[in-house]
C-alpha atoms as a PDB file:
ATOM      1  CA  UNK A   1      35.689 -35.745 -45.310  1.00  0.00           C
ATOM      2  CA  UNK A   2      33.426 -37.742 -43.031  1.00  0.00           C
ATOM      3  CA  UNK A   3      36.266 -37.927 -40.552  1.00  0.00           C
ATOM      4  CA  UNK A   4      36.403 -34.095 -40.410  1.00  0.00           C
ATOM      5  CA  UNK A   5      32.675 -33.937 -39.731  1.00  0.00           C
ATOM      6  CA  UNK A   6      32.945 -36.648 -37.081  1.00  0.00           C
ATOM      7  CA  UNK A   7      35.913 -35.021 -35.290  1.00  0.00           C
ATOM      8  CA  UNK A   8      35.011 -31.294 -35.482  1.00  0.00           C
ATOM      9  CA  UNK A   9      31.368 -30.661 -36.336  1.00  0.00           C
ATOM     10  CA  UNK A  10      29.725 -33.139 -33.964  1.00  0.00           C
ATOM     11  CA  UNK A  11      31.759 -31.985 -30.910  1.00  0.00           C
ATOM     12  CA  UNK A  12      31.070 -28.354 -31.897  1.00  0.00           C
ATOM     13  CA  UNK A  13      27.309 -29.039 -32.069  1.00  0.00           C
ATOM     14  CA  UNK A  14      27.405 -30.846 -28.716  1.00  0.00           C
ATOM     15  CA  UNK A  15      29.340 -27.930 -27.182  1.00  0.00           C
ATOM     16  CA  UNK A  16      26.815 -25.438 -28.588  1.00  0.00           C
ATOM     17  CA  UNK A  17      23.885 -27.444 -27.191  1.00  0.00           C
ATOM     18  CA  UNK A  18      25.557 -27.613 -23.767  1.00  0.00           C
ATOM     19  CA  UNK A  19      26.288 -23.872 -23.884  1.00  0.00           C
ATOM     20  CA  UNK A  20      22.685 -23.140 -24.869  1.00  0.00           C
ATOM     21  CA  UNK A  21      21.338 -25.265 -22.007  1.00  0.00           C
ATOM     22  CA  UNK A  22      23.675 -23.513 -19.550  1.00  0.00           C
ATOM     23  CA  UNK A  23      22.609 -20.049 -20.721  1.00  0.00           C
ATOM     24  CA  UNK A  24      18.914 -21.015 -20.554  1.00  0.00           C
ATOM     25  CA  UNK A  25      19.360 -22.368 -17.025  1.00  0.00           C
ATOM     26  CA  UNK A  26      21.036 -19.130 -15.930  1.00  0.00           C
ATOM     27  CA  UNK A  27      18.301 -17.045 -17.551  1.00  0.00           C
ATOM     28  CA  UNK A  28      15.566 -19.031 -15.787  1.00  0.00           C
ATOM     29  CA  UNK A  29      17.451 -18.693 -12.501  1.00  0.00           C
ATOM     30  CA  UNK A  30      17.623 -14.892 -12.889  1.00  0.00           C
ATOM     31  CA  UNK A  31      13.899 -14.720 -13.720  1.00  0.00           C
ATOM     32  CA  UNK A  32      13.111 -16.825 -10.650  1.00  0.00           C
ATOM     33  CA  UNK A  33      15.245 -14.570  -8.422  1.00  0.00           C
ATOM     34  CA  UNK A  34      13.536 -11.467  -9.831  1.00  0.00           C
ATOM     35  CA  UNK A  35      10.117 -12.976  -9.100  1.00  0.00           C
ATOM     36  CA  UNK A  36      11.230 -13.724  -5.535  1.00  0.00           C
ATOM     37  CA  UNK A  37      12.437 -10.135  -5.114  1.00  0.00           C
ATOM     38  CA  UNK A  38       9.124  -8.751  -6.404  1.00  0.00           C
ATOM     39  CA  UNK A  39       7.161 -11.108  -4.149  1.00  0.00           C
ATOM     40  CA  UNK A  40       9.312 -10.077  -1.160  1.00  0.00           C
ATOM     41  CA  UNK A  41       8.793  -6.382  -1.916  1.00  0.00           C
ATOM     42  CA  UNK A  42       5.010  -6.783  -2.200  1.00  0.00           C
ATOM     43  CA  UNK A  43       4.933  -8.825   1.000  1.00  0.00           C
ATOM     44  CA  UNK A  44       6.981  -6.201   2.826  1.00  0.00           C
ATOM     45  CA  UNK A  45       4.643  -3.413   1.676  1.00  0.00           C
ATOM     46  CA  UNK A  46       1.594  -5.387   2.844  1.00  0.00           C
ATOM     47  CA  UNK A  47       3.218  -6.299   6.170  1.00  0.00           C
ATOM     48  CA  UNK A  48       4.145  -2.672   6.913  1.00  0.00           C
ATOM     49  CA  UNK A  49       0.603  -1.562   6.083  1.00  0.00           C
ATOM     50  CA  UNK A  50      -0.875  -4.305   8.251  1.00  0.00           C
ATOM     51  CA  UNK A  51       1.402  -3.355  11.167  1.00  0.00           C
ATOM     52  CA  UNK A  52       0.317   0.281  10.915  1.00  0.00           C
ATOM     53  CA  UNK A  53      -3.338  -0.743  10.889  1.00  0.00           C
ATOM     54  CA  UNK A  54      -2.709  -2.958  13.911  1.00  0.00           C
ATOM     55  CA  UNK A  55      -1.332   0.078  15.796  1.00  0.00           C
ATOM     56  CA  UNK A  56      -4.527   1.964  14.955  1.00  0.00           C
ATOM     57  CA  UNK A  57      -6.542  -0.944  16.367  1.00  0.00           C
ATOM     58  CA  UNK A  58      -4.431  -0.870  19.535  1.00  0.00           C
ATOM     59  CA  UNK A  59      -5.082   2.884  19.809  1.00  0.00           C
ATOM     60  CA  UNK A  60      -8.789   2.071  19.371  1.00  0.00           C
ATOM     61  CA  UNK A  61      -9.101   4.393  16.380  1.00  0.00           C
ATOM     62  CA  UNK A  62      -9.924   1.398  14.230  1.00  0.00           C
ATOM     63  CA  UNK A  63     -12.064  -1.652  14.946  1.00  0.00           C
ATOM     64  CA  UNK A  64     -11.100  -5.160  13.902  1.00  0.00           C
ATOM     65  CA  UNK A  65     -13.845  -5.023  11.265  1.00  0.00           C
ATOM     66  CA  UNK A  66     -12.456  -1.711   9.999  1.00  0.00           C
ATOM     67  CA  UNK A  67      -8.935  -3.160  10.013  1.00  0.00           C
ATOM     68  CA  UNK A  68     -10.051  -6.045   7.833  1.00  0.00           C
ATOM     69  CA  UNK A  69     -11.907  -3.738   5.451  1.00  0.00           C
ATOM     70  CA  UNK A  70      -8.984  -1.330   5.066  1.00  0.00           C
ATOM     71  CA  UNK A  71      -6.431  -4.148   4.751  1.00  0.00           C
ATOM     72  CA  UNK A  72      -8.360  -5.360   1.689  1.00  0.00           C
ATOM     73  CA  UNK A  73      -6.945  -2.310  -0.113  1.00  0.00           C
ATOM     74  CA  UNK A  74      -3.463  -3.835   0.070  1.00  0.00           C
ATOM     75  CA  UNK A  75      -4.604  -7.410  -0.204  1.00  0.00           C
ATOM     76  CA  UNK A  76      -6.589  -6.947  -3.424  1.00  0.00           C
ATOM     77  CA  UNK A  77      -4.305  -4.512  -5.233  1.00  0.00           C
ATOM     78  CA  UNK A  78      -2.769  -7.098  -7.558  1.00  0.00           C
ATOM     79  CA  UNK A  79      -5.915  -9.162  -8.079  1.00  0.00           C
ATOM     80  CA  UNK A  80      -7.057  -7.110 -11.085  1.00  0.00           C
ATOM     81  CA  UNK A  81      -3.725  -5.449 -11.924  1.00  0.00           C
ATOM     82  CA  UNK A  82      -0.476  -6.854 -13.199  1.00  0.00           C
ATOM     83  CA  UNK A  83       2.562  -7.076 -10.958  1.00  0.00           C
ATOM     84  CA  UNK A  84       4.956  -4.565 -12.502  1.00  0.00           C
ATOM     85  CA  UNK A  85       7.514  -2.283 -10.930  1.00  0.00           C
ATOM     86  CA  UNK A  86       5.344   0.727 -11.771  1.00  0.00           C
ATOM     87  CA  UNK A  87       2.278  -0.840 -10.122  1.00  0.00           C
ATOM     88  CA  UNK A  88       4.290  -1.858  -7.078  1.00  0.00           C
ATOM     89  CA  UNK A  89       5.596   1.681  -6.697  1.00  0.00           C
ATOM     90  CA  UNK A  90       2.063   3.074  -7.128  1.00  0.00           C
ATOM     91  CA  UNK A  91       0.696   0.631  -4.553  1.00  0.00           C
ATOM     92  CA  UNK A  92       3.398   1.621  -2.072  1.00  0.00           C
ATOM     93  CA  UNK A  93       2.767   5.345  -2.661  1.00  0.00           C
ATOM     94  CA  UNK A  94      -0.991   4.868  -2.299  1.00  0.00           C
ATOM     95  CA  UNK A  95      -0.711   2.900   0.940  1.00  0.00           C
ATOM     96  CA  UNK A  96       1.750   5.433   2.357  1.00  0.00           C
ATOM     97  CA  UNK A  97      -0.701   8.223   1.475  1.00  0.00           C
ATOM     98  CA  UNK A  98      -3.451   6.366   3.274  1.00  0.00           C
ATOM     99  CA  UNK A  99      -1.284   5.839   6.351  1.00  0.00           C
ATOM    100  CA  UNK A 100      -0.382   9.536   6.371  1.00  0.00           C
ATOM    101  CA  UNK A 101      -4.083  10.458   6.121  1.00  0.00           C
ATOM    102  CA  UNK A 102      -5.041   8.350   9.140  1.00  0.00           C
ATOM    103  CA  UNK A 103      -5.711  10.288  12.341  1.00  0.00           C
ATOM    104  CA  UNK A 104      -3.162  10.278  15.134  1.00  0.00           C
ATOM    105  CA  UNK A 105      -5.554  11.134  17.952  1.00  0.00           C
ATOM    106  CA  UNK A 106      -5.130   9.435  21.315  1.00  0.00           C
ATOM    107  CA  UNK A 107      -7.952   8.287  23.572  1.00  0.00           C
ATOM    108  CA  UNK A 108      -7.362  11.353  25.758  1.00  0.00           C
ATOM    109  CA  UNK A 109      -7.860  13.771  22.864  1.00  0.00           C
ATOM    110  CA  UNK A 110     -11.087  15.737  22.741  1.00  0.00           C
ATOM    111  CA  UNK A 111     -11.427  14.853  19.031  1.00  0.00           C
ATOM    112  CA  UNK A 112     -10.858  11.133  19.540  1.00  0.00           C
ATOM    113  CA  UNK A 113     -14.457  10.128  18.829  1.00  0.00           C
ATOM    114  CA  UNK A 114     -14.593  12.328  15.751  1.00  0.00           C
ATOM    115  CA  UNK A 115     -11.379  10.695  14.498  1.00  0.00           C
ATOM    116  CA  UNK A 116     -12.843   7.251  15.180  1.00  0.00           C
ATOM    117  CA  UNK A 117     -15.930   8.197  13.200  1.00  0.00           C
ATOM    118  CA  UNK A 118     -13.836   9.456  10.275  1.00  0.00           C
ATOM    119  CA  UNK A 119     -11.945   6.172  10.115  1.00  0.00           C
ATOM    120  CA  UNK A 120     -15.191   4.198  10.438  1.00  0.00           C
ATOM    121  CA  UNK A 121     -16.761   6.163   7.584  1.00  0.00           C
ATOM    122  CA  UNK A 122     -13.649   5.646   5.456  1.00  0.00           C
ATOM    123  CA  UNK A 123     -13.765   1.884   6.052  1.00  0.00           C
ATOM    124  CA  UNK A 124     -17.494   1.800   5.318  1.00  0.00           C
ATOM    125  CA  UNK A 125     -16.954   3.557   1.979  1.00  0.00           C
ATOM    126  CA  UNK A 126     -14.692   0.771   0.687  1.00  0.00           C
ATOM    127  CA  UNK A 127     -16.058  -1.877  -1.703  1.00  0.00           C
ATOM    128  CA  UNK A 128     -17.835  -4.779  -0.024  1.00  0.00           C
ATOM    129  CA  UNK A 129     -16.796  -7.339  -2.657  1.00  0.00           C
ATOM    130  CA  UNK A 130     -13.392  -8.172  -4.101  1.00  0.00           C
ATOM    131  CA  UNK A 131     -14.276  -7.219  -7.685  1.00  0.00           C
ATOM    132  CA  UNK A 132     -14.812  -3.643  -6.475  1.00  0.00           C
ATOM    133  CA  UNK A 133     -11.053  -3.374  -5.986  1.00  0.00           C
ATOM    134  CA  UNK A 134     -10.321  -2.904  -9.681  1.00  0.00           C
ATOM    135  CA  UNK A 135      -7.900  -0.549 -11.416  1.00  0.00           C
ATOM    136  CA  UNK A 136     -10.541   2.215 -11.530  1.00  0.00           C
ATOM    137  CA  UNK A 137     -10.943   2.001  -7.759  1.00  0.00           C
ATOM    138  CA  UNK A 138      -7.191   2.343  -7.158  1.00  0.00           C
ATOM    139  CA  UNK A 139      -6.608   5.061  -9.763  1.00  0.00           C
ATOM    140  CA  UNK A 140      -9.675   7.252  -9.190  1.00  0.00           C
ATOM    141  CA  UNK A 141     -11.888   6.321  -6.237  1.00  0.00           C
ATOM    142  CA  UNK A 142      -9.299   5.542  -3.546  1.00  0.00           C
ATOM    143  CA  UNK A 143      -7.250   8.729  -4.048  1.00  0.00           C
ATOM    144  CA  UNK A 144     -10.492  10.707  -3.670  1.00  0.00           C
ATOM    145  CA  UNK A 145     -11.373   8.813  -0.484  1.00  0.00           C
ATOM    146  CA  UNK A 146      -7.892   9.466   0.910  1.00  0.00           C
ATOM    147  CA  UNK A 147      -8.261  13.159   0.059  1.00  0.00           C
ATOM    148  CA  UNK A 148     -11.611  13.284   1.873  1.00  0.00           C
ATOM    149  CA  UNK A 149     -10.024  11.632   4.921  1.00  0.00           C
ATOM    150  CA  UNK A 150      -7.144  14.123   4.834  1.00  0.00           C
ATOM    151  CA  UNK A 151      -9.559  17.033   4.433  1.00  0.00           C
ATOM    152  CA  UNK A 152     -11.609  15.839   7.402  1.00  0.00           C
ATOM    153  CA  UNK A 153      -8.411  15.693   9.486  1.00  0.00           C
ATOM    154  CA  UNK A 154      -7.527  19.217   8.404  1.00  0.00           C
ATOM    155  CA  UNK A 155     -11.047  20.401   9.275  1.00  0.00           C
ATOM    156  CA  UNK A 156     -10.691  18.935  12.765  1.00  0.00           C
ATOM    157  CA  UNK A 157      -7.372  20.710  13.167  1.00  0.00           C
ATOM    158  CA  UNK A 158      -8.861  24.007  11.953  1.00  0.00           C
ATOM    159  CA  UNK A 159     -11.763  23.687  14.397  1.00  0.00           C
ATOM    160  CA  UNK A 160      -9.339  22.939  17.221  1.00  0.00           C
ATOM    161  CA  UNK A 161      -7.216  26.000  16.387  1.00  0.00           C
ATOM    162  CA  UNK A 162     -10.341  28.167  16.115  1.00  0.00           C
ATOM    163  CA  UNK A 163     -11.586  26.969  19.496  1.00  0.00           C
ATOM    164  CA  UNK A 164      -8.199  27.649  21.094  1.00  0.00           C
ATOM    165  CA  UNK A 165      -8.232  31.159  19.610  1.00  0.00           C
ATOM    166  CA  UNK A 166     -11.726  31.781  20.998  1.00  0.00           C
ATOM    167  CA  UNK A 167     -10.638  30.545  24.424  1.00  0.00           C
ATOM    168  CA  UNK A 168      -7.662  32.889  24.388  1.00  0.00           C
ATOM    169  CA  UNK A 169      -9.711  35.951  23.315  1.00  0.00           C
ATOM    170  CA  UNK A 170     -11.626  36.374  26.610  1.00  0.00           C
ATOM    171  CA  UNK A 171      -8.344  36.162  28.506  1.00  0.00           C
ATOM    172  CA  UNK A 172      -6.880  39.046  26.475  1.00  0.00           C
ATOM    173  CA  UNK A 173     -10.089  41.084  26.871  1.00  0.00           C
ATOM    174  CA  UNK A 174     -10.107  40.630  30.671  1.00  0.00           C
ATOM    175  CA  UNK A 175      -6.419  41.468  30.845  1.00  0.00           C
ATOM    176  CA  UNK A 176      -6.976  44.798  29.069  1.00  0.00           C
END
C-alpha cells in the first residue's frame, strides 16, 4: 500500500504543484502585459494631447504657461481616479473634445487676439493645485469649461458671418 502511494500519489502531487506554478506564472505574465498595454495607451493619449498643445504654442495661440496649465488636465487625470478601460476611454473623449474646442485661428486672422484671449481665459480657469483635478472636476467642471470655449468660438464665427453680411449689404444697395 505504501508502495502505491510512493509511486503514484507523490508524483501526481508534484505534477499538480508544477502545473499550478506554470498556470500562475502565465496568469501573472498576462496581467503584466495588460498593464503594459494600458500604460502604453495612456501614454499615447497624453503624448497626442501634448503634441496638439505644442502646435498651438507654435501658432502663438497658447503661451508656454498656458500649455503647462492645460497639459495638467491630461497629466492629473489618473491621480484621483482609477485606471480602468472606462476611465481611459472617458479621458480620451474628454481630451479630444478639448482639442476640438480649441481655436484654429492663424496670426493673420482678424480674430486672432480674441482667440488667444479665449484660450488664456480657459487656461486661467483651470485649478491651480493638483487636488483640484478630482473626479468632480473631470465629470462636471471641465465639460462645462469646454462647452464655454466652444460657445465662444461659435460666437466669434457668428460675429464674423454677421460682419461679412453687413459688408456685402452696401454693395448690393449700391448695385441696385
